[in-house]
Amino acid sequence: MSLVSARDDLLSIGTVAARAGLSVPALRYYEERGLLTPVRDGGGRRRFPRHVLRRLAVIAAGQRVGLSLADIGEALRTLPADRAPSAREWARVGEVWQRLLDARIRELQALRTSLDGCIGCGCLSLSRCTLFNPHDTAAGEGSGSRWLRNAGHGGLNGDDAPSP
């Protein structure tokens, strides 16, 4: 393939966004997370090879089944960056994702069981409740529902720790 035809196969970020049904900021975010790697033209503008549309389809599929972008990124690192994945490569990713989903299903089933026991109890004890405090992370802070009471005033922060 000549350099000219290779450049003709590059798509602008706006074209990729439109074809993938995404916003330009979403593509930039995926780039920041290392999920996409554009090339820059002479003016510094992002250009993407056509096969990036397949990578975006992989990202969408992973998100659709509830995987995190970190999990999706791990899968993308096993796929070729310079072309669309083959059926064999996609199947390998699918096997990994199936194991992740099986583990997630087991976790959700355990949570459902915990919820069934919790509905009648209603304790929400931070020292005993396996639903609200699955790894007993707050037992050292004493008993009571202060995380729940604080929920209206900031509640849990992104690290799942109590607000000050």
N, C-alpha and C. Protein backbone atom coordinates (compact mmCIF):
# COMPACT_ATOMS: atom_id res chain seq x y z
N MET A 1 0.86 -1.17 0.00
CA MET A 1 0.00 0.00 0.00
C MET A 1 0.90 1.23 0.00
N SER A 2 0.60 2.15 -0.84
CA SER A 2 1.42 3.35 -0.91
C SER A 2 1.10 4.30 0.23
N LEU A 3 2.01 5.22 0.48
CA LEU A 3 1.81 6.20 1.55
C LEU A 3 0.57 7.04 1.29
N VAL A 4 0.34 7.39 0.01
CA VAL A 4 -0.82 8.22 -0.32
C VAL A 4 -2.11 7.47 -0.02
N SER A 5 -2.22 6.20 -0.44
CA SER A 5 -3.46 5.47 -0.17
C SER A 5 -3.62 5.19 1.31
N ALA A 6 -2.51 5.01 2.03
CA ALA A 6 -2.61 4.82 3.48
C ALA A 6 -3.17 6.08 4.13
N ARG A 7 -2.73 7.24 3.68
CA ARG A 7 -3.25 8.48 4.24
C ARG A 7 -4.72 8.68 3.89
N ASP A 8 -5.11 8.21 2.70
CA ASP A 8 -6.52 8.33 2.30
C ASP A 8 -7.42 7.46 3.18
N ASP A 9 -6.86 6.42 3.78
CA ASP A 9 -7.64 5.55 4.65
C ASP A 9 -7.78 6.10 6.06
N LEU A 10 -7.15 7.22 6.35
CA LEU A 10 -7.25 7.83 7.67
C LEU A 10 -8.51 8.67 7.74
N LEU A 11 -9.19 8.55 8.87
CA LEU A 11 -10.45 9.27 9.07
C LEU A 11 -10.26 10.35 10.13
N SER A 12 -10.95 11.44 9.98
CA SER A 12 -10.91 12.50 10.99
C SER A 12 -11.64 12.02 12.24
N ILE A 13 -11.36 12.67 13.34
CA ILE A 13 -12.02 12.31 14.60
C ILE A 13 -13.53 12.51 14.50
N GLY A 14 -13.96 13.55 13.77
CA GLY A 14 -15.39 13.79 13.59
C GLY A 14 -16.05 12.69 12.79
N THR A 15 -15.38 12.21 11.75
CA THR A 15 -15.92 11.13 10.93
C THR A 15 -16.02 9.84 11.74
N VAL A 16 -14.98 9.54 12.50
CA VAL A 16 -15.00 8.33 13.34
C VAL A 16 -16.13 8.43 14.36
N ALA A 17 -16.26 9.59 14.98
CA ALA A 17 -17.32 9.77 15.98
C ALA A 17 -18.69 9.54 15.35
N ALA A 18 -18.91 10.14 14.18
CA ALA A 18 -20.21 9.99 13.51
C ALA A 18 -20.47 8.53 13.13
N ARG A 19 -19.47 7.87 12.58
CA ARG A 19 -19.66 6.49 12.13
C ARG A 19 -19.83 5.53 13.30
N ALA A 20 -19.21 5.84 14.43
CA ALA A 20 -19.30 4.96 15.59
C ALA A 20 -20.47 5.32 16.50
N GLY A 21 -21.13 6.45 16.24
CA GLY A 21 -22.23 6.87 17.10
C GLY A 21 -21.76 7.37 18.45
N LEU A 22 -20.59 7.97 18.47
CA LEU A 22 -20.01 8.49 19.70
C LEU A 22 -19.75 9.98 19.56
N SER A 23 -19.46 10.61 20.67
CA SER A 23 -19.08 12.02 20.63
C SER A 23 -17.57 12.12 20.47
N VAL A 24 -17.13 13.25 19.96
CA VAL A 24 -15.69 13.51 19.84
C VAL A 24 -15.02 13.46 21.22
N PRO A 25 -15.63 14.07 22.27
CA PRO A 25 -15.01 13.94 23.60
C PRO A 25 -14.87 12.49 24.07
N ALA A 26 -15.80 11.63 23.70
CA ALA A 26 -15.68 10.22 24.08
C ALA A 26 -14.45 9.60 23.43
N LEU A 27 -14.21 9.92 22.16
CA LEU A 27 -13.02 9.39 21.49
C LEU A 27 -11.74 9.92 22.14
N ARG A 28 -11.76 11.19 22.50
CA ARG A 28 -10.58 11.76 23.18
C ARG A 28 -10.36 11.08 24.53
N TYR A 29 -11.45 10.78 25.22
CA TYR A 29 -11.36 10.08 26.51
C TYR A 29 -10.77 8.69 26.31
N TYR A 30 -11.24 7.96 25.31
CA TYR A 30 -10.70 6.64 25.03
C TYR A 30 -9.22 6.73 24.69
N GLU A 31 -8.84 7.79 23.98
CA GLU A 31 -7.43 8.00 23.68
C GLU A 31 -6.63 8.21 24.97
N GLU A 32 -7.14 9.05 25.86
CA GLU A 32 -6.47 9.31 27.14
C GLU A 32 -6.31 8.02 27.95
N ARG A 33 -7.28 7.14 27.87
CA ARG A 33 -7.24 5.87 28.60
C ARG A 33 -6.38 4.82 27.89
N GLY A 34 -5.84 5.15 26.73
CA GLY A 34 -4.98 4.22 26.01
C GLY A 34 -5.73 3.19 25.19
N LEU A 35 -7.03 3.41 24.96
CA LEU A 35 -7.83 2.46 24.20
C LEU A 35 -7.71 2.68 22.69
N LEU A 36 -7.40 3.90 22.30
CA LEU A 36 -7.24 4.27 20.89
C LEU A 36 -5.93 5.04 20.73
N THR A 37 -5.32 4.88 19.56
CA THR A 37 -4.10 5.62 19.28
C THR A 37 -4.22 6.25 17.90
N PRO A 38 -4.47 7.54 17.85
CA PRO A 38 -4.55 8.20 16.54
C PRO A 38 -3.15 8.51 16.01
N VAL A 39 -3.10 8.84 14.74
CA VAL A 39 -1.88 9.41 14.17
C VAL A 39 -2.17 10.89 13.97
N ARG A 40 -1.14 11.67 13.91
CA ARG A 40 -1.32 13.12 13.72
C ARG A 40 -0.91 13.49 12.30
N ASP A 41 -1.70 14.34 11.68
CA ASP A 41 -1.34 14.81 10.34
C ASP A 41 -0.38 16.00 10.48
N GLY A 42 -0.01 16.59 9.38
CA GLY A 42 0.93 17.71 9.38
C GLY A 42 0.48 18.88 10.22
N GLY A 43 -0.82 19.06 10.36
CA GLY A 43 -1.37 20.16 11.16
C GLY A 43 -1.61 19.77 12.61
N GLY A 44 -1.24 18.55 13.01
CA GLY A 44 -1.42 18.09 14.38
C GLY A 44 -2.80 17.55 14.67
N ARG A 45 -3.65 17.42 13.65
CA ARG A 45 -5.00 16.90 13.86
C ARG A 45 -4.98 15.38 13.97
N ARG A 46 -5.87 14.87 14.81
CA ARG A 46 -5.99 13.42 14.98
C ARG A 46 -6.58 12.81 13.72
N ARG A 47 -5.99 11.71 13.32
CA ARG A 47 -6.52 10.90 12.22
C ARG A 47 -6.48 9.45 12.67
N PHE A 48 -7.50 8.70 12.30
CA PHE A 48 -7.62 7.32 12.72
C PHE A 48 -7.71 6.41 11.50
N PRO A 49 -7.03 5.27 11.54
CA PRO A 49 -7.21 4.29 10.47
C PRO A 49 -8.62 3.71 10.56
N ARG A 50 -9.13 3.24 9.44
CA ARG A 50 -10.50 2.71 9.41
C ARG A 50 -10.73 1.59 10.41
N HIS A 51 -9.71 0.78 10.65
CA HIS A 51 -9.90 -0.36 11.56
C HIS A 51 -10.19 0.08 12.99
N VAL A 52 -10.04 1.37 13.31
CA VAL A 52 -10.38 1.83 14.66
C VAL A 52 -11.88 1.66 14.92
N LEU A 53 -12.67 1.64 13.86
CA LEU A 53 -14.11 1.41 14.03
C LEU A 53 -14.37 0.03 14.63
N ARG A 54 -13.54 -0.94 14.27
CA ARG A 54 -13.67 -2.28 14.86
C ARG A 54 -13.29 -2.26 16.34
N ARG A 55 -12.23 -1.53 16.67
CA ARG A 55 -11.83 -1.41 18.08
C ARG A 55 -12.95 -0.76 18.88
N LEU A 56 -13.60 0.24 18.30
CA LEU A 56 -14.72 0.89 18.98
C LEU A 56 -15.88 -0.08 19.16
N ALA A 57 -16.08 -0.97 18.20
CA ALA A 57 -17.12 -1.99 18.35
C ALA A 57 -16.78 -2.95 19.49
N VAL A 58 -15.49 -3.27 19.65
CA VAL A 58 -15.05 -4.12 20.75
C VAL A 58 -15.30 -3.42 22.08
N ILE A 59 -14.98 -2.12 22.14
CA ILE A 59 -15.22 -1.34 23.36
C ILE A 59 -16.71 -1.34 23.69
N ALA A 60 -17.54 -1.08 22.69
CA ALA A 60 -18.99 -1.05 22.91
C ALA A 60 -19.51 -2.40 23.38
N ALA A 61 -18.99 -3.49 22.79
CA ALA A 61 -19.42 -4.83 23.20
C ALA A 61 -19.05 -5.08 24.66
N GLY A 62 -17.85 -4.71 25.03
CA GLY A 62 -17.41 -4.90 26.42
C GLY A 62 -18.26 -4.10 27.39
N GLN A 63 -18.55 -2.85 27.02
CA GLN A 63 -19.38 -2.03 27.90
C GLN A 63 -20.79 -2.59 27.99
N ARG A 64 -21.28 -3.11 26.88
CA ARG A 64 -22.65 -3.66 26.84
C ARG A 64 -22.81 -4.81 27.82
N VAL A 65 -21.75 -5.60 28.00
CA VAL A 65 -21.85 -6.73 28.92
C VAL A 65 -21.39 -6.36 30.32
N GLY A 66 -21.11 -5.07 30.55
CA GLY A 66 -20.83 -4.58 31.89
C GLY A 66 -19.37 -4.60 32.32
N LEU A 67 -18.46 -4.73 31.38
CA LEU A 67 -17.05 -4.72 31.74
C LEU A 67 -16.56 -3.30 31.95
N SER A 68 -15.56 -3.17 32.78
CA SER A 68 -14.96 -1.86 33.02
C SER A 68 -14.04 -1.50 31.85
N LEU A 69 -13.74 -0.22 31.71
CA LEU A 69 -12.80 0.18 30.67
C LEU A 69 -11.42 -0.41 30.92
N ALA A 70 -11.07 -0.66 32.17
CA ALA A 70 -9.79 -1.31 32.48
C ALA A 70 -9.78 -2.74 31.91
N ASP A 71 -10.88 -3.48 32.11
CA ASP A 71 -10.97 -4.83 31.55
C ASP A 71 -10.92 -4.79 30.03
N ILE A 72 -11.62 -3.85 29.44
CA ILE A 72 -11.64 -3.72 27.99
C ILE A 72 -10.25 -3.35 27.48
N GLY A 73 -9.58 -2.45 28.18
CA GLY A 73 -8.23 -2.05 27.79
C GLY A 73 -7.27 -3.23 27.81
N GLU A 74 -7.40 -4.10 28.83
CA GLU A 74 -6.55 -5.29 28.88
C GLU A 74 -6.76 -6.15 27.65
N ALA A 75 -8.03 -6.31 27.25
CA ALA A 75 -8.32 -7.10 26.07
C ALA A 75 -7.76 -6.44 24.82
N LEU A 76 -7.91 -5.14 24.70
CA LEU A 76 -7.40 -4.45 23.51
C LEU A 76 -5.89 -4.55 23.39
N ARG A 77 -5.20 -4.61 24.53
CA ARG A 77 -3.75 -4.75 24.48
C ARG A 77 -3.32 -6.10 23.91
N THR A 78 -4.21 -7.09 23.91
CA THR A 78 -3.88 -8.40 23.34
C THR A 78 -4.21 -8.45 21.85
N LEU A 79 -4.88 -7.45 21.34
CA LEU A 79 -5.27 -7.41 19.93
C LEU A 79 -4.30 -6.55 19.14
N PRO A 80 -4.18 -6.80 17.86
CA PRO A 80 -3.28 -5.98 17.05
C PRO A 80 -3.77 -4.53 16.98
N ALA A 81 -2.82 -3.60 17.06
CA ALA A 81 -3.18 -2.18 17.01
C ALA A 81 -3.24 -1.67 15.58
N ASP A 82 -2.69 -2.43 14.63
CA ASP A 82 -2.57 -1.92 13.27
C ASP A 82 -3.60 -2.50 12.30
N ARG A 83 -4.55 -3.29 12.81
CA ARG A 83 -5.58 -3.87 11.95
C ARG A 83 -6.75 -4.36 12.80
N ALA A 84 -7.83 -4.71 12.14
CA ALA A 84 -8.99 -5.26 12.84
C ALA A 84 -8.63 -6.66 13.35
N PRO A 85 -9.18 -7.07 14.49
CA PRO A 85 -8.87 -8.41 15.01
C PRO A 85 -9.45 -9.50 14.12
N SER A 86 -8.75 -10.62 14.06
CA SER A 86 -9.24 -11.79 13.33
C SER A 86 -10.30 -12.49 14.17
N ALA A 87 -11.00 -13.43 13.55
CA ALA A 87 -12.01 -14.20 14.28
C ALA A 87 -11.36 -14.96 15.44
N ARG A 88 -10.18 -15.50 15.22
CA ARG A 88 -9.48 -16.25 16.28
C ARG A 88 -9.11 -15.31 17.43
N GLU A 89 -8.60 -14.12 17.11
CA GLU A 89 -8.23 -13.15 18.16
C GLU A 89 -9.45 -12.70 18.93
N TRP A 90 -10.55 -12.46 18.24
CA TRP A 90 -11.79 -12.06 18.90
C TRP A 90 -12.30 -13.18 19.81
N ALA A 91 -12.19 -14.44 19.34
CA ALA A 91 -12.65 -15.58 20.15
C ALA A 91 -11.84 -15.67 21.44
N ARG A 92 -10.53 -15.41 21.35
CA ARG A 92 -9.68 -15.44 22.55
C ARG A 92 -10.13 -14.39 23.56
N VAL A 93 -10.44 -13.19 23.08
CA VAL A 93 -10.95 -12.13 23.96
C VAL A 93 -12.29 -12.56 24.55
N GLY A 94 -13.14 -13.15 23.72
CA GLY A 94 -14.44 -13.60 24.20
C GLY A 94 -14.33 -14.61 25.32
N GLU A 95 -13.35 -15.50 25.24
CA GLU A 95 -13.15 -16.49 26.30
C GLU A 95 -12.77 -15.82 27.62
N VAL A 96 -11.89 -14.84 27.54
CA VAL A 96 -11.48 -14.10 28.75
C VAL A 96 -12.68 -13.37 29.33
N TRP A 97 -13.45 -12.72 28.46
CA TRP A 97 -14.62 -11.97 28.92
C TRP A 97 -15.66 -12.89 29.52
N GLN A 98 -15.82 -14.09 28.98
CA GLN A 98 -16.78 -15.04 29.55
C GLN A 98 -16.38 -15.41 30.97
N ARG A 99 -15.08 -15.61 31.21
CA ARG A 99 -14.64 -15.92 32.58
C ARG A 99 -14.91 -14.74 33.51
N LEU A 100 -14.66 -13.52 33.04
CA LEU A 100 -14.95 -12.34 33.87
C LEU A 100 -16.45 -12.24 34.18
N LEU A 101 -17.27 -12.49 33.17
CA LEU A 101 -18.72 -12.42 33.38
C LEU A 101 -19.21 -13.53 34.30
N ASP A 102 -18.64 -14.73 34.17
CA ASP A 102 -19.01 -15.82 35.08
C ASP A 102 -18.70 -15.45 36.52
N ALA A 103 -17.54 -14.83 36.74
CA ALA A 103 -17.18 -14.39 38.09
C ALA A 103 -18.14 -13.32 38.59
N ARG A 104 -18.50 -12.38 37.72
CA ARG A 104 -19.44 -11.33 38.08
C ARG A 104 -20.81 -11.91 38.43
N ILE A 105 -21.24 -12.90 37.66
CA ILE A 105 -22.53 -13.55 37.94
C ILE A 105 -22.51 -14.21 39.31
N ARG A 106 -21.40 -14.90 39.63
CA ARG A 106 -21.30 -15.53 40.96
C ARG A 106 -21.37 -14.47 42.06
N GLU A 107 -20.69 -13.34 41.86
CA GLU A 107 -20.74 -12.25 42.86
C GLU A 107 -22.16 -11.72 43.01
N LEU A 108 -22.85 -11.52 41.90
CA LEU A 108 -24.22 -11.00 41.97
C LEU A 108 -25.16 -12.01 42.63
N GLN A 109 -24.96 -13.29 42.37
CA GLN A 109 -25.79 -14.30 43.03
C GLN A 109 -25.55 -14.29 44.54
N ALA A 110 -24.30 -14.12 44.95
CA ALA A 110 -24.00 -14.04 46.38
C ALA A 110 -24.64 -12.79 46.98
N LEU A 111 -24.60 -11.67 46.26
CA LEU A 111 -25.25 -10.45 46.75
C LEU A 111 -26.75 -10.63 46.87
N ARG A 112 -27.34 -11.31 45.88
CA ARG A 112 -28.79 -11.55 45.93
C ARG A 112 -29.14 -12.37 47.16
N THR A 113 -28.33 -13.38 47.47
CA THR A 113 -28.56 -14.19 48.66
C THR A 113 -28.44 -13.33 49.92
N SER A 114 -27.43 -12.47 49.96
CA SER A 114 -27.26 -11.57 51.10
C SER A 114 -28.46 -10.64 51.24
N LEU A 115 -28.96 -10.15 50.13
CA LEU A 115 -30.10 -9.24 50.16
C LEU A 115 -31.33 -9.94 50.71
N ASP A 116 -31.54 -11.18 50.30
CA ASP A 116 -32.70 -11.93 50.80
C ASP A 116 -32.65 -12.03 52.32
N GLY A 117 -31.49 -12.27 52.90
CA GLY A 117 -31.36 -12.35 54.35
C GLY A 117 -31.45 -10.99 55.00
N CYS A 118 -31.03 -9.96 54.31
CA CYS A 118 -30.97 -8.61 54.88
C CYS A 118 -32.35 -7.94 54.94
N ILE A 119 -33.20 -8.27 54.01
CA ILE A 119 -34.50 -7.60 53.98
C ILE A 119 -35.25 -7.81 55.29
N GLY A 120 -35.25 -9.03 55.79
CA GLY A 120 -35.94 -9.32 57.05
C GLY A 120 -35.20 -8.77 58.25
N CYS A 121 -33.88 -8.72 58.17
CA CYS A 121 -33.07 -8.28 59.31
C CYS A 121 -33.14 -6.77 59.49
N GLY A 122 -32.82 -6.04 58.46
CA GLY A 122 -32.87 -4.58 58.52
C GLY A 122 -31.81 -3.94 59.38
N CYS A 123 -30.82 -4.70 59.84
CA CYS A 123 -29.85 -4.15 60.78
C CYS A 123 -28.89 -3.16 60.13
N LEU A 124 -28.41 -3.48 58.95
CA LEU A 124 -27.38 -2.69 58.28
C LEU A 124 -26.23 -2.36 59.23
N SER A 125 -25.92 -3.30 60.09
CA SER A 125 -24.82 -3.14 61.03
C SER A 125 -23.51 -3.14 60.28
N LEU A 126 -22.72 -2.12 60.51
CA LEU A 126 -21.45 -2.05 59.82
C LEU A 126 -20.48 -3.11 60.30
N SER A 127 -20.71 -3.66 61.46
CA SER A 127 -19.79 -4.70 61.94
C SER A 127 -20.23 -6.10 61.51
N ARG A 128 -21.50 -6.29 61.12
CA ARG A 128 -21.98 -7.63 60.79
C ARG A 128 -22.59 -7.76 59.41
N CYS A 129 -23.07 -6.69 58.82
CA CYS A 129 -23.84 -6.78 57.58
C CYS A 129 -22.94 -7.14 56.39
N THR A 130 -23.20 -8.30 55.78
CA THR A 130 -22.41 -8.73 54.64
C THR A 130 -22.82 -8.02 53.35
N LEU A 131 -23.96 -7.36 53.35
CA LEU A 131 -24.39 -6.63 52.16
C LEU A 131 -23.78 -5.24 52.14
N PHE A 132 -23.91 -4.51 53.22
CA PHE A 132 -23.42 -3.13 53.27
C PHE A 132 -21.94 -3.06 53.54
N ASN A 133 -21.41 -4.03 54.26
CA ASN A 133 -20.00 -4.02 54.68
C ASN A 133 -19.40 -5.40 54.40
N PRO A 134 -19.25 -5.78 53.12
CA PRO A 134 -18.90 -7.15 52.78
C PRO A 134 -17.57 -7.63 53.32
N HIS A 135 -16.60 -6.78 53.48
CA HIS A 135 -15.30 -7.20 53.97
C HIS A 135 -15.01 -6.63 55.36
N ASP A 136 -16.08 -6.22 56.04
CA ASP A 136 -15.98 -5.72 57.41
C ASP A 136 -15.00 -4.55 57.51
N THR A 137 -15.00 -3.67 56.52
CA THR A 137 -14.04 -2.57 56.48
C THR A 137 -14.30 -1.51 57.53
N ALA A 138 -15.50 -1.45 58.08
CA ALA A 138 -15.81 -0.40 59.04
C ALA A 138 -15.91 -0.90 60.47
N ALA A 139 -15.67 -2.18 60.70
CA ALA A 139 -15.83 -2.72 62.05
C ALA A 139 -14.95 -2.00 63.06
N GLY A 140 -13.77 -1.58 62.62
CA GLY A 140 -12.86 -0.90 63.53
C GLY A 140 -13.33 0.47 63.95
N GLU A 141 -14.34 1.01 63.27
CA GLU A 141 -14.85 2.34 63.59
C GLU A 141 -16.01 2.30 64.57
N GLY A 142 -16.41 1.12 64.99
CA GLY A 142 -17.51 1.00 65.94
C GLY A 142 -18.81 0.65 65.25
N SER A 143 -19.86 0.51 66.05
CA SER A 143 -21.16 0.11 65.51
C SER A 143 -21.97 1.33 65.10
N GLY A 144 -23.05 1.08 64.42
CA GLY A 144 -23.94 2.17 64.02
C GLY A 144 -23.99 2.32 62.51
N SER A 145 -24.89 3.15 62.07
CA SER A 145 -25.12 3.32 60.63
C SER A 145 -24.66 4.69 60.17
N ARG A 146 -23.51 5.16 60.66
CA ARG A 146 -23.11 6.53 60.32
C ARG A 146 -22.87 6.72 58.83
N TRP A 147 -22.45 5.69 58.09
CA TRP A 147 -22.29 5.86 56.65
C TRP A 147 -23.65 6.13 56.00
N LEU A 148 -24.66 5.43 56.45
CA LEU A 148 -25.99 5.64 55.89
C LEU A 148 -26.53 7.01 56.29
N ARG A 149 -26.33 7.40 57.54
CA ARG A 149 -26.80 8.72 57.97
C ARG A 149 -26.09 9.82 57.21
N ASN A 150 -24.82 9.61 56.88
CA ASN A 150 -24.06 10.62 56.14
C ASN A 150 -24.38 10.64 54.65
N ALA A 151 -25.14 9.68 54.19
CA ALA A 151 -25.42 9.59 52.76
C ALA A 151 -26.07 10.86 52.23
N GLY A 152 -26.87 11.51 53.02
CA GLY A 152 -27.50 12.75 52.58
C GLY A 152 -26.56 13.94 52.63
N HIS A 153 -25.39 13.76 53.25
CA HIS A 153 -24.41 14.84 53.41
C HIS A 153 -23.09 14.47 52.77
N GLY A 154 -23.14 13.86 51.60
CA GLY A 154 -21.92 13.45 50.94
C GLY A 154 -21.78 11.95 50.89
N GLY A 155 -22.28 11.24 51.89
CA GLY A 155 -22.29 9.79 51.88
C GLY A 155 -20.93 9.18 51.63
N LEU A 156 -20.92 8.16 50.80
CA LEU A 156 -19.69 7.47 50.48
C LEU A 156 -18.97 8.22 49.38
N ASN A 157 -17.67 8.32 49.51
CA ASN A 157 -16.92 8.93 48.42
C ASN A 157 -16.54 7.86 47.42
N GLY A 158 -15.82 8.23 46.38
CA GLY A 158 -15.48 7.30 45.32
C GLY A 158 -14.61 6.15 45.77
N ASP A 159 -13.99 6.24 46.93
CA ASP A 159 -13.14 5.17 47.43
C ASP A 159 -13.90 4.26 48.37
N ASP A 160 -15.21 4.40 48.48
CA ASP A 160 -16.05 3.63 49.38
C ASP A 160 -15.64 3.78 50.83
N ALA A 161 -15.18 4.95 51.18
CA ALA A 161 -14.83 5.25 52.57
C ALA A 161 -15.81 6.28 53.08
N PRO A 162 -15.97 6.35 54.39
CA PRO A 162 -16.92 7.32 54.93
C PRO A 162 -16.47 8.74 54.67
N SER A 163 -17.44 9.63 54.51
CA SER A 163 -17.13 11.04 54.34
C SER A 163 -16.75 11.63 55.69
N PRO A 164 -15.88 12.62 55.72
CA PRO A 164 -15.50 13.22 57.01
C PRO A 164 -16.63 13.98 57.65
